[in-house]
Amino acid sequence: VDYFSLDVGNNWGAPSYVAPNTYGPAQWAALCAEAGTATDLPILYAGRVGDVATARQVIADGHADLVGVVRALIAEPRLLELAKQGEEGNARPCIGVQDCLSRRVVEHLPFACAVNPHVGREHEGPLPRVEQARSILVIGGGPAGTEVAALAAERGHRVQLWERDDHLGGQLAVAARARMNAPYADWIGWQARRLDALGVEVRFGVDADETAVLEEGTDVVVVATGASPRLPDADGLDQPHVLTAVDVLQGAGVGHRVVVIAEDDRPVPLAVADHLAGAGHAVTVVHGSPDPSPLTNKYTIGGILARLDAEGGRLVPHARLVAVDGPTVHLANVYSGRPFQLDDVDTVVLACGAVPRAGLHTALRGRVSSLHLLGDAFAPRRLVAATRQAFALVAGLD
């Protein structure tokens, strides 16, 4: 034996041995140090180390002799090179969404990284510079829009990006407000610096319409206008205490007893529930599927559910929303149809997926020679789908 490599967790536990962002950076490093007192051999620590600064701190604190970094090196293969050059701030950040693990191991899809669409394509080499630059207008500054704008600029195209808000990020910026999603803001900030360094012209406060787009006269138009919250088929949703997950994360007032209606296979319902439970609310998650958020992989969901349970949250499975009548939430079993209800509810939060906002693309169809629909405006999915779709589009813009 030359050294010991120590990690914490198991396949499905809390934590799993590939710990999600529910946990803090290097949370178990001190435990590694305790184990290290039993040997004079070098000790390597691994577990939620996503950047060089955290790795340095583990060693400086004497918790390990070596630090294992895996996901961060997938997101940014040049991580150590940049650190040696004193440029680690330019490293593409790993934000821990676990698609590197989920896609291949759980879903049996090609290996990929949510924030780096080059991953899994290394054998193809980098996208080449174009011989003839084209003018490209991107509408929407969410993950799909920022990624397509940056990739196109890196290839040598002239790129503009219009965003109706005063910041980048789209729905990812909203999601970043949930406590378990705080690292998302790191990637949005990195994208903003990347666009600035590439000379992409970013205009905020532009609610683009077909007239403005046509007057701009660019060669290529990419519509990445995102999506709007989907509402379930139920009565009583127009009451003031019925909110969407977006409303809640943007700061809408929420009462103490909260029911989260989960009709989204992605992590959104659990992220909102976790956020509210952490703020002291009594949270109940109602979901029609056997498990909440089915697309949240087994390596990630344990930590979320453990914290939700510890903070008093509860789950009501196999149920759908029928109606909201003041403080009463009427439900039905999705299989038998048996009606039942939850009483004394202060706030109902709808985390029920999203509907593409593709109206601009429809209006421009047939009027722009090279028109593309991207990201949630094409179909609301996970971050990895948006960045990979952006890569595929830019790869074909020769």
Protein backbone atom coordinates (compact mmCIF):
# COMPACT_ATOMS: atom_id res chain seq x y z
CA VAL A 1 0.00 0.00 0.00
CA ASP A 2 1.44 3.38 -1.03
CA TYR A 3 -1.34 5.69 0.14
CA PHE A 4 -4.96 5.71 1.29
CA SER A 5 -7.72 7.40 -0.72
CA LEU A 6 -10.71 8.18 1.48
CA ASP A 7 -14.24 9.11 0.49
CA VAL A 8 -17.55 9.12 2.39
CA GLY A 9 -20.91 7.64 1.50
CA ASN A 10 -22.47 4.87 -0.54
CA ASN A 11 -24.51 4.45 -3.70
CA TRP A 12 -27.90 5.66 -2.51
CA GLY A 13 -27.21 7.14 0.87
CA ALA A 14 -27.01 10.53 2.46
CA PRO A 15 -24.38 11.28 1.40
CA SER A 16 -23.69 9.27 -1.68
CA TYR A 17 -20.00 8.87 -2.44
CA VAL A 18 -20.44 11.41 -5.25
CA ALA A 19 -21.87 14.09 -3.02
CA PRO A 20 -24.19 16.76 -4.48
CA ASN A 21 -24.32 20.42 -3.61
CA THR A 22 -26.66 19.70 -0.70
CA TYR A 23 -23.41 19.40 1.22
CA GLY A 24 -20.70 21.96 1.83
CA PRO A 25 -17.29 22.03 0.12
CA ALA A 26 -14.95 19.34 1.50
CA GLN A 27 -17.45 18.72 4.29
CA TRP A 28 -15.79 15.51 5.50
CA ALA A 29 -12.13 16.53 5.29
CA ALA A 30 -11.76 16.59 9.07
CA LEU A 31 -13.02 13.00 9.22
CA CYS A 32 -10.33 12.11 6.70
CA ALA A 33 -7.74 13.66 9.00
CA GLU A 34 -9.03 11.59 11.92
CA ALA A 35 -8.61 8.41 9.91
CA GLY A 36 -5.15 9.59 8.91
CA THR A 37 -3.93 9.46 12.51
CA ALA A 38 -3.88 5.66 12.20
CA THR A 39 -1.13 5.60 9.57
CA ASP A 40 2.08 7.28 8.52
CA LEU A 41 1.24 6.76 4.84
CA PRO A 42 -0.06 9.65 2.74
CA ILE A 43 -3.80 10.30 2.86
CA LEU A 44 -5.84 11.49 -0.13
CA TYR A 45 -9.19 13.15 0.51
CA ALA A 46 -12.03 13.23 -2.04
CA GLY A 47 -15.56 14.58 -1.68
CA ARG A 48 -17.14 17.88 -2.78
CA VAL A 49 -13.90 19.56 -3.82
CA GLY A 50 -14.90 21.71 -6.76
CA ASP A 51 -12.11 24.24 -7.01
CA VAL A 52 -8.43 24.76 -6.33
CA ALA A 53 -9.01 27.07 -3.36
CA THR A 54 -10.92 24.35 -1.50
CA ALA A 55 -8.21 21.79 -2.28
CA ARG A 56 -5.53 24.15 -0.98
CA GLN A 57 -7.51 24.71 2.23
CA VAL A 58 -7.85 20.98 2.91
CA ILE A 59 -4.08 20.61 2.71
CA ALA A 60 -3.38 23.81 4.64
CA ASP A 61 -5.64 22.60 7.46
CA GLY A 62 -3.65 19.37 7.65
CA HIS A 63 -6.64 17.20 6.79
CA ALA A 64 -4.93 15.39 3.91
CA ASP A 65 -1.66 15.16 1.99
CA LEU A 66 -3.38 14.99 -1.40
CA VAL A 67 -6.78 16.02 -2.69
CA GLY A 68 -8.79 14.22 -5.35
CA VAL A 69 -10.68 16.47 -7.76
CA VAL A 70 -12.84 14.76 -10.38
CA ARG A 71 -15.97 16.66 -11.44
CA ALA A 72 -14.19 20.01 -11.49
CA LEU A 73 -11.60 18.58 -13.90
CA ILE A 74 -14.38 17.30 -16.14
CA ALA A 75 -15.94 20.77 -16.26
CA GLU A 76 -12.56 22.45 -16.72
CA PRO A 77 -9.74 20.17 -17.95
CA ARG A 78 -7.29 23.11 -17.72
CA LEU A 79 -8.01 23.65 -14.02
CA LEU A 80 -4.51 22.88 -12.73
CA GLU A 81 -2.84 24.64 -15.64
CA LEU A 82 -4.86 27.78 -14.92
CA ALA A 83 -4.07 27.51 -11.21
CA LYS A 84 -0.33 27.30 -11.91
CA GLN A 85 -0.64 30.46 -14.01
CA GLY A 86 -2.59 32.27 -11.29
CA GLU A 87 -5.69 32.33 -13.47
CA GLU A 88 -7.95 29.92 -11.65
CA GLY A 89 -10.66 32.60 -11.66
CA ASN A 90 -10.94 31.95 -15.40
CA ALA A 91 -11.74 28.27 -14.89
CA ARG A 92 -15.16 27.07 -15.98
CA PRO A 93 -16.82 26.19 -12.64
CA CYS A 94 -18.34 22.84 -11.83
CA ILE A 95 -21.74 23.54 -10.30
CA GLY A 96 -22.47 19.98 -9.21
CA VAL A 97 -25.61 19.15 -11.18
CA GLN A 98 -24.32 15.57 -11.50
CA ASP A 99 -25.10 15.04 -15.20
CA CYS A 100 -21.59 13.62 -15.66
CA LEU A 101 -22.78 10.79 -13.45
CA SER A 102 -26.48 10.68 -14.19
CA ARG A 103 -26.41 10.56 -17.98
CA ARG A 104 -23.99 7.68 -18.36
CA VAL A 105 -24.51 5.58 -15.24
CA VAL A 106 -28.22 6.13 -14.60
CA GLU A 107 -29.74 7.03 -17.98
CA HIS A 108 -27.28 5.19 -20.26
CA LEU A 109 -26.83 8.24 -22.48
CA PRO A 110 -23.51 9.48 -23.90
CA PHE A 111 -21.18 10.91 -21.27
CA ALA A 112 -21.56 14.67 -20.90
CA CYS A 113 -21.13 17.66 -18.59
CA ALA A 114 -23.90 20.20 -18.03
CA VAL A 115 -21.60 23.23 -18.15
CA ASN A 116 -19.04 22.06 -20.71
CA PRO A 117 -20.50 20.74 -23.98
CA HIS A 118 -17.02 19.75 -25.23
CA VAL A 119 -17.00 16.87 -22.73
CA GLY A 120 -17.51 13.53 -24.44
CA ARG A 121 -16.36 15.04 -27.74
CA GLU A 122 -12.67 15.41 -26.97
CA HIS A 123 -11.76 13.11 -29.84
CA GLU A 124 -13.30 15.63 -32.25
CA GLY A 125 -10.96 18.42 -31.16
CA PRO A 126 -12.03 22.03 -30.61
CA LEU A 127 -14.47 23.73 -32.94
CA PRO A 128 -12.39 25.35 -35.71
CA ARG A 129 -12.38 29.03 -36.51
CA VAL A 130 -14.58 29.88 -39.47
CA GLU A 131 -13.20 31.27 -42.71
CA GLN A 132 -16.22 33.51 -43.30
CA ALA A 133 -17.68 35.24 -40.25
CA ARG A 134 -21.46 35.62 -40.06
CA SER A 135 -23.53 38.09 -38.05
CA ILE A 136 -25.56 36.30 -35.39
CA LEU A 137 -28.34 37.65 -33.18
CA VAL A 138 -29.21 35.63 -30.07
CA ILE A 139 -32.47 36.45 -28.29
CA GLY A 140 -32.33 35.38 -24.67
CA GLY A 141 -29.52 35.32 -22.11
CA GLY A 142 -30.22 32.05 -20.35
CA PRO A 143 -27.95 28.98 -20.48
CA ALA A 144 -28.75 28.16 -24.12
CA GLY A 145 -28.43 31.75 -25.31
CA THR A 146 -25.19 32.54 -23.50
CA GLU A 147 -23.59 29.25 -24.55
CA VAL A 148 -24.49 29.60 -28.23
CA ALA A 149 -23.31 33.23 -28.22
CA ALA A 150 -19.96 32.35 -26.62
CA LEU A 151 -19.31 29.33 -28.82
CA ALA A 152 -20.17 31.27 -31.97
CA ALA A 153 -17.87 34.13 -30.96
CA GLU A 154 -15.07 31.65 -30.24
CA ARG A 155 -15.43 30.40 -33.80
CA GLY A 156 -15.03 33.96 -35.10
CA HIS A 157 -18.62 35.01 -35.78
CA ARG A 158 -19.93 38.50 -34.97
CA VAL A 159 -22.45 38.03 -32.17
CA GLN A 160 -25.08 40.12 -30.44
CA LEU A 161 -27.16 38.93 -27.50
CA TRP A 162 -30.41 40.60 -26.45
CA GLU A 163 -31.84 39.92 -23.00
CA ARG A 164 -35.10 41.39 -21.69
CA ASP A 165 -33.98 41.36 -18.02
CA ASP A 166 -31.10 43.36 -16.57
CA HIS A 167 -28.97 40.27 -16.00
CA LEU A 168 -27.97 36.99 -17.61
CA GLY A 169 -28.98 33.50 -16.56
CA GLY A 170 -32.68 33.17 -17.38
CA GLN A 171 -34.39 30.49 -15.31
CA LEU A 172 -31.01 29.30 -14.04
CA ALA A 173 -30.59 32.66 -12.31
CA VAL A 174 -33.96 32.11 -10.63
CA ALA A 175 -33.00 28.57 -9.65
CA ALA A 176 -29.72 29.88 -8.19
CA ARG A 177 -31.69 31.62 -5.45
CA ALA A 178 -32.56 28.27 -3.88
CA ARG A 179 -30.02 27.40 -1.19
CA MET A 180 -29.00 24.07 -2.74
CA ASN A 181 -28.42 25.77 -6.11
CA ALA A 182 -26.16 28.62 -5.01
CA PRO A 183 -23.23 27.41 -7.19
CA TYR A 184 -25.33 28.07 -10.30
CA ALA A 185 -24.54 31.75 -9.90
CA ASP A 186 -20.82 30.96 -10.32
CA TRP A 187 -21.41 29.58 -13.81
CA ILE A 188 -23.63 32.51 -14.80
CA GLY A 189 -20.91 34.92 -13.67
CA TRP A 190 -18.28 32.95 -15.58
CA GLN A 191 -20.45 33.06 -18.72
CA ALA A 192 -20.81 36.84 -18.37
CA ARG A 193 -17.02 37.29 -18.15
CA ARG A 194 -16.54 34.91 -21.07
CA LEU A 195 -18.94 36.88 -23.29
CA ASP A 196 -17.26 40.14 -22.35
CA ALA A 197 -13.78 38.79 -23.11
CA LEU A 198 -14.99 37.54 -26.51
CA GLY A 199 -16.44 40.92 -27.44
CA VAL A 200 -20.05 39.75 -27.64
CA GLU A 201 -22.37 42.75 -27.68
CA VAL A 202 -24.84 42.15 -24.84
CA ARG A 203 -27.88 44.41 -24.60
CA PHE A 204 -30.12 44.26 -21.54
CA GLY A 205 -33.71 45.42 -21.18
CA VAL A 206 -34.60 44.44 -24.75
CA ASP A 207 -37.99 42.77 -25.10
CA ALA A 208 -37.40 41.74 -28.69
CA ASP A 209 -40.20 41.61 -31.21
CA GLU A 210 -40.24 40.53 -34.83
CA THR A 211 -39.93 44.09 -36.15
CA ALA A 212 -36.76 44.81 -34.19
CA VAL A 213 -35.23 41.50 -35.18
CA LEU A 214 -35.96 41.97 -38.87
CA GLU A 215 -34.63 45.53 -38.81
CA GLU A 216 -31.34 44.27 -37.37
CA GLY A 217 -30.82 42.22 -40.53
CA THR A 218 -28.37 39.64 -39.15
CA ASP A 219 -27.43 36.50 -41.06
CA VAL A 220 -28.52 34.15 -38.29
CA VAL A 221 -31.19 34.53 -35.60
CA VAL A 222 -31.25 32.22 -32.57
CA VAL A 223 -34.37 32.37 -30.43
CA ALA A 224 -33.64 31.22 -26.87
CA THR A 225 -36.48 32.98 -25.08
CA GLY A 226 -36.97 30.36 -22.38
CA ALA A 227 -40.22 29.12 -20.91
CA SER A 228 -43.07 30.14 -18.62
CA PRO A 229 -44.32 28.24 -15.57
CA ARG A 230 -46.86 25.55 -16.39
CA LEU A 231 -50.05 25.45 -14.34
CA PRO A 232 -51.74 22.14 -13.52
CA ASP A 233 -55.31 21.29 -14.50
CA ALA A 234 -56.98 22.21 -11.22
CA ASP A 235 -59.50 24.69 -9.83
CA GLY A 236 -58.83 27.65 -7.57
CA LEU A 237 -55.38 28.58 -8.86
CA ASP A 238 -56.24 32.28 -9.12
CA GLN A 239 -56.20 32.78 -5.35
CA PRO A 240 -53.46 35.04 -3.92
CA HIS A 241 -51.93 32.30 -1.76
CA VAL A 242 -51.31 30.09 -4.82
CA LEU A 243 -47.86 30.82 -6.20
CA THR A 244 -45.43 29.31 -8.68
CA ALA A 245 -41.96 28.10 -7.78
CA VAL A 246 -40.60 31.07 -9.74
CA ASP A 247 -42.69 33.47 -7.62
CA VAL A 248 -41.30 31.97 -4.43
CA LEU A 249 -37.66 32.06 -5.49
CA GLN A 250 -38.10 35.65 -6.63
CA GLY A 251 -39.18 36.64 -3.14
CA ALA A 252 -42.98 36.33 -2.97
CA GLY A 253 -44.36 36.11 0.56
CA VAL A 254 -45.00 32.60 1.83
CA GLY A 255 -46.97 31.47 4.87
CA HIS A 256 -45.80 28.96 7.44
CA ARG A 257 -47.65 25.84 6.25
CA VAL A 258 -46.73 25.25 2.60
CA VAL A 259 -47.83 22.59 0.14
CA VAL A 260 -45.59 22.15 -2.90
CA ILE A 261 -47.37 20.56 -5.86
CA ALA A 262 -44.71 18.64 -7.81
CA GLU A 263 -45.46 17.96 -11.46
CA ASP A 264 -41.89 18.29 -12.75
CA ASP A 265 -39.54 15.33 -13.08
CA ARG A 266 -36.53 17.62 -12.69
CA PRO A 267 -35.13 18.74 -9.30
CA VAL A 268 -37.14 21.99 -9.16
CA PRO A 269 -39.87 20.83 -6.72
CA LEU A 270 -37.35 19.44 -4.26
CA ALA A 271 -35.11 22.50 -4.59
CA VAL A 272 -38.02 24.78 -3.71
CA ALA A 273 -39.17 22.51 -0.88
CA ASP A 274 -35.62 22.32 0.52
CA HIS A 275 -35.29 26.09 0.29
CA LEU A 276 -38.53 26.72 2.16
CA ALA A 277 -37.84 24.09 4.81
CA GLY A 278 -34.47 25.69 5.42
CA ALA A 279 -36.21 29.02 5.97
CA GLY A 280 -38.38 27.49 8.71
CA HIS A 281 -41.57 26.69 6.81
CA ALA A 282 -43.55 23.49 7.38
CA VAL A 283 -43.39 21.91 3.93
CA THR A 284 -45.39 19.09 2.35
CA VAL A 285 -44.50 17.89 -1.15
CA VAL A 286 -47.34 16.32 -3.14
CA HIS A 287 -46.19 14.25 -6.12
CA GLY A 288 -47.95 11.88 -8.49
CA SER A 289 -44.95 9.65 -9.21
CA PRO A 290 -43.68 6.95 -6.83
CA ASP A 291 -40.61 9.10 -6.16
CA PRO A 292 -40.37 12.89 -6.13
CA SER A 293 -38.40 14.43 -8.99
CA PRO A 294 -37.74 11.15 -10.90
CA LEU A 295 -34.97 12.71 -13.01
CA THR A 296 -32.97 13.53 -9.89
CA ASN A 297 -30.53 10.63 -9.85
CA LYS A 298 -30.02 8.21 -6.98
CA TYR A 299 -26.63 9.71 -6.13
CA THR A 300 -28.18 13.13 -5.57
CA ILE A 301 -31.64 12.67 -4.14
CA GLY A 302 -30.63 11.03 -0.85
CA GLY A 303 -28.92 14.13 0.49
CA ILE A 304 -31.86 16.35 -0.46
CA LEU A 305 -34.47 14.07 1.10
CA ALA A 306 -32.38 13.56 4.24
CA ARG A 307 -32.19 17.30 4.87
CA LEU A 308 -35.84 17.83 4.00
CA ASP A 309 -36.89 15.14 6.47
CA ALA A 310 -34.57 16.46 9.19
CA GLU A 311 -36.15 19.89 8.81
CA GLY A 312 -39.69 18.56 9.14
CA GLY A 313 -40.68 18.19 5.49
CA ARG A 314 -43.00 15.40 4.47
CA LEU A 315 -43.99 13.70 1.22
CA VAL A 316 -47.41 12.74 -0.10
CA PRO A 317 -46.87 10.36 -3.04
CA HIS A 318 -49.27 9.14 -5.75
CA ALA A 319 -51.41 12.27 -5.51
CA ARG A 320 -52.56 14.97 -7.90
CA LEU A 321 -54.03 18.39 -7.26
CA VAL A 322 -57.78 18.70 -7.85
CA ALA A 323 -58.56 22.12 -6.38
CA VAL A 324 -57.48 24.78 -3.92
CA ASP A 325 -60.32 26.14 -1.78
CA GLY A 326 -58.90 28.67 0.63
CA PRO A 327 -56.85 26.78 3.25
CA THR A 328 -57.99 23.40 1.92
CA VAL A 329 -56.06 21.56 -0.80
CA HIS A 330 -58.15 18.90 -2.49
CA LEU A 331 -56.19 15.93 -3.84
CA ALA A 332 -56.84 12.58 -5.47
CA ASN A 333 -54.86 9.37 -5.66
CA VAL A 334 -53.47 9.15 -9.20
CA TYR A 335 -54.22 5.42 -9.44
CA SER A 336 -57.51 4.85 -7.62
CA GLY A 337 -58.97 8.34 -7.88
CA ARG A 338 -59.70 8.34 -4.14
CA PRO A 339 -60.25 11.94 -2.98
CA PHE A 340 -58.63 13.33 0.15
CA GLN A 341 -57.50 16.75 1.37
CA LEU A 342 -54.92 18.71 3.30
CA ASP A 343 -56.28 21.34 5.66
CA ASP A 344 -54.97 24.54 7.23
CA VAL A 345 -52.63 25.32 4.35
CA ASP A 346 -51.23 28.85 4.19
CA THR A 347 -49.53 28.75 0.77
CA VAL A 348 -49.66 26.47 -2.26
CA VAL A 349 -46.57 26.43 -4.47
CA LEU A 350 -46.89 25.06 -8.00
CA ALA A 351 -43.69 23.40 -9.25
CA CYS A 352 -45.26 21.92 -12.35
CA GLY A 353 -42.74 22.30 -15.13
CA ALA A 354 -42.69 24.88 -17.88
CA VAL A 355 -44.19 25.75 -21.24
CA PRO A 356 -41.92 26.94 -24.09
CA ARG A 357 -42.04 30.64 -24.92
CA ALA A 358 -41.60 30.28 -28.67
CA GLY A 359 -43.90 32.97 -30.02
CA LEU A 360 -41.07 35.05 -31.48
CA HIS A 361 -39.76 32.06 -33.38
CA THR A 362 -43.23 31.41 -34.80
CA ALA A 363 -43.55 35.05 -35.89
CA LEU A 364 -40.15 34.97 -37.63
CA ARG A 365 -40.62 31.63 -39.38
CA GLY A 366 -40.20 32.05 -43.13
CA ARG A 367 -38.94 35.62 -42.73
CA VAL A 368 -35.35 34.86 -41.65
CA SER A 369 -33.14 32.69 -43.81
CA SER A 370 -31.31 31.05 -40.89
CA LEU A 371 -33.62 30.81 -37.88
CA HIS A 372 -33.10 28.51 -34.90
CA LEU A 373 -35.00 27.65 -31.72
CA LEU A 374 -32.93 26.72 -28.70
CA GLY A 375 -33.05 25.78 -25.02
CA ASP A 376 -36.26 25.86 -23.01
CA ALA A 377 -37.98 27.73 -25.85
CA PHE A 378 -37.49 24.52 -27.83
CA ALA A 379 -38.32 22.17 -24.94
CA PRO A 380 -37.88 22.70 -21.18
CA ARG A 381 -35.22 20.25 -20.07
CA ARG A 382 -32.12 20.09 -17.93
CA LEU A 383 -29.14 22.41 -18.31
CA VAL A 384 -27.09 19.76 -20.12
CA ALA A 385 -29.63 19.65 -22.96
CA ALA A 386 -29.38 23.42 -23.48
CA THR A 387 -25.59 23.56 -23.63
CA ARG A 388 -25.27 20.50 -25.87
CA GLN A 389 -27.93 21.83 -28.23
CA ALA A 390 -26.01 25.12 -28.40
CA PHE A 391 -22.82 23.23 -29.27
CA ALA A 392 -24.55 21.26 -32.03
CA LEU A 393 -25.96 24.44 -33.55
CA VAL A 394 -22.67 26.32 -33.54
CA ALA A 395 -20.79 23.32 -34.91
CA GLY A 396 -22.99 23.52 -38.01
CA LEU A 397 -22.67 27.28 -38.55
CA ASP A 398 -19.95 27.17 -41.21
